[in-house]
């Protein structure tokens, strides 16, 4: 059996999940664009969230995580720098129609 033949049923099953709204849709937002920190397993972790312009809690959005390379950090990815486009160049492509929320976490010791 060819790979393309196997992929079609899998994609058909995934389609409803990809289009599903999360439990947060329609609720008042508890987060805004900015830099945040959280304690995870005793370690302080940072991440940057970028909401679409004119964010509307009644609209479903894609959620895109952008991870940095070894030695980089979350700010480099979110803001661009060291030869990297902000959000790897995806931000202007995906937010032209305001369709994505971006999250850029920082690895422990920039790893």
Protein backbone atom coordinates (compact mmCIF):
# COMPACT_ATOMS: atom_id res chain seq x y z
CA UNK A 1 0.00 0.00 0.00
CA UNK A 2 1.34 3.46 -0.86
CA UNK A 3 1.90 6.11 1.77
CA UNK A 4 -0.60 8.45 0.12
CA UNK A 5 -3.28 5.78 0.41
CA UNK A 6 -2.59 5.47 4.14
CA UNK A 7 -2.50 9.23 4.70
CA UNK A 8 -6.00 9.89 3.39
CA UNK A 9 -7.88 8.00 6.15
CA UNK A 10 -5.63 9.53 8.82
CA UNK A 11 -6.26 13.05 7.51
CA UNK A 12 -9.98 12.37 7.35
CA UNK A 13 -9.96 11.36 11.02
CA UNK A 14 -7.84 14.36 12.04
CA UNK A 15 -9.93 16.97 10.23
CA UNK A 16 -12.68 17.21 12.88
CA UNK A 17 -10.07 17.56 15.62
CA UNK A 18 -8.18 20.28 13.77
CA UNK A 19 -11.36 22.29 13.38
CA UNK A 20 -12.61 21.80 16.94
CA UNK A 21 -12.93 24.79 19.25
CA UNK A 22 -11.16 24.64 22.60
CA UNK A 23 -12.97 25.00 25.95
CA UNK A 24 -11.55 28.54 26.17
CA UNK A 25 -13.51 29.80 23.17
CA UNK A 26 -16.11 32.36 24.21
CA UNK A 27 -14.61 32.99 27.66
CA UNK A 28 -13.05 36.23 28.85
CA UNK A 29 -9.31 36.17 28.08
CA UNK A 30 -7.02 35.70 31.08
CA UNK A 31 -3.80 36.36 29.17
CA UNK A 32 -2.57 39.13 26.88
CA UNK A 33 0.38 39.52 24.56
CA UNK A 34 3.56 39.73 26.61
CA UNK A 35 6.24 37.87 28.50
CA UNK A 36 5.27 35.53 31.33
CA UNK A 37 6.92 33.14 33.75
CA UNK A 38 5.67 30.01 35.43
CA UNK A 39 7.12 27.63 37.99
CA UNK A 40 7.31 24.14 36.49
CA UNK A 41 8.71 21.33 38.65
CA UNK A 42 10.53 23.84 40.83
CA UNK A 43 12.10 25.70 37.90
CA UNK A 44 11.16 29.20 36.80
CA UNK A 45 10.29 29.09 33.07
CA UNK A 46 9.66 32.05 30.76
CA UNK A 47 7.55 32.29 27.62
CA UNK A 48 6.21 34.95 25.30
CA UNK A 49 2.61 35.00 24.05
CA UNK A 50 1.52 36.97 21.01
CA UNK A 51 -2.23 37.23 20.47
CA UNK A 52 -3.67 38.31 17.11
CA UNK A 53 -4.54 41.95 16.57
CA UNK A 54 -8.16 42.54 17.58
CA UNK A 55 -8.28 39.22 19.47
CA UNK A 56 -11.85 37.95 19.77
CA UNK A 57 -12.52 35.23 22.36
CA UNK A 58 -15.47 33.97 20.30
CA UNK A 59 -13.24 33.12 17.34
CA UNK A 60 -11.13 29.94 17.13
CA UNK A 61 -7.41 30.47 16.45
CA UNK A 62 -4.49 28.21 15.56
CA UNK A 63 -1.97 27.77 18.41
CA UNK A 64 1.64 27.86 17.17
CA UNK A 65 4.61 27.02 19.41
CA UNK A 66 7.98 28.30 18.17
CA UNK A 67 11.01 26.77 19.89
CA UNK A 68 14.52 28.25 19.85
CA UNK A 69 17.72 26.45 18.92
CA UNK A 70 20.42 25.53 21.46
CA UNK A 71 21.95 28.73 22.81
CA UNK A 72 19.05 30.93 21.70
CA UNK A 73 16.14 32.16 23.77
CA UNK A 74 12.43 32.93 23.61
CA UNK A 75 13.01 36.64 22.96
CA UNK A 76 15.17 35.89 19.91
CA UNK A 77 12.32 33.89 18.38
CA UNK A 78 9.49 36.25 19.33
CA UNK A 79 11.32 39.46 18.37
CA UNK A 80 13.73 38.17 15.74
CA UNK A 81 17.47 38.41 16.08
CA UNK A 82 20.78 36.69 15.43
CA UNK A 83 19.71 35.97 11.87
CA UNK A 84 16.29 34.62 12.85
CA UNK A 85 13.04 36.18 11.67
CA UNK A 86 10.45 36.75 14.40
CA UNK A 87 8.49 33.53 14.88
CA UNK A 88 10.60 32.03 12.06
CA UNK A 89 8.81 34.27 9.58
CA UNK A 90 5.43 32.65 10.29
CA UNK A 91 3.98 35.57 12.24
CA UNK A 92 3.24 37.89 9.28
CA UNK A 93 1.99 35.00 7.18
CA UNK A 94 -0.44 33.64 9.75
CA UNK A 95 -1.66 36.86 11.31
CA UNK A 96 -2.50 38.57 8.03
CA UNK A 97 -5.98 37.21 8.62
CA UNK A 98 -5.52 37.12 12.42
CA UNK A 99 -5.61 33.37 12.58
CA UNK A 100 -2.96 32.34 15.13
CA UNK A 101 -1.78 32.69 18.71
CA UNK A 102 2.00 32.32 19.04
CA UNK A 103 3.86 31.00 22.09
CA UNK A 104 7.64 31.05 22.33
CA UNK A 105 8.96 29.24 25.44
CA UNK A 106 12.50 29.50 26.78
CA UNK A 107 14.46 26.28 27.26
CA UNK A 108 16.23 25.60 30.54
CA UNK A 109 19.66 27.26 30.35
CA UNK A 110 18.78 28.23 26.76
CA UNK A 111 18.91 24.55 25.81
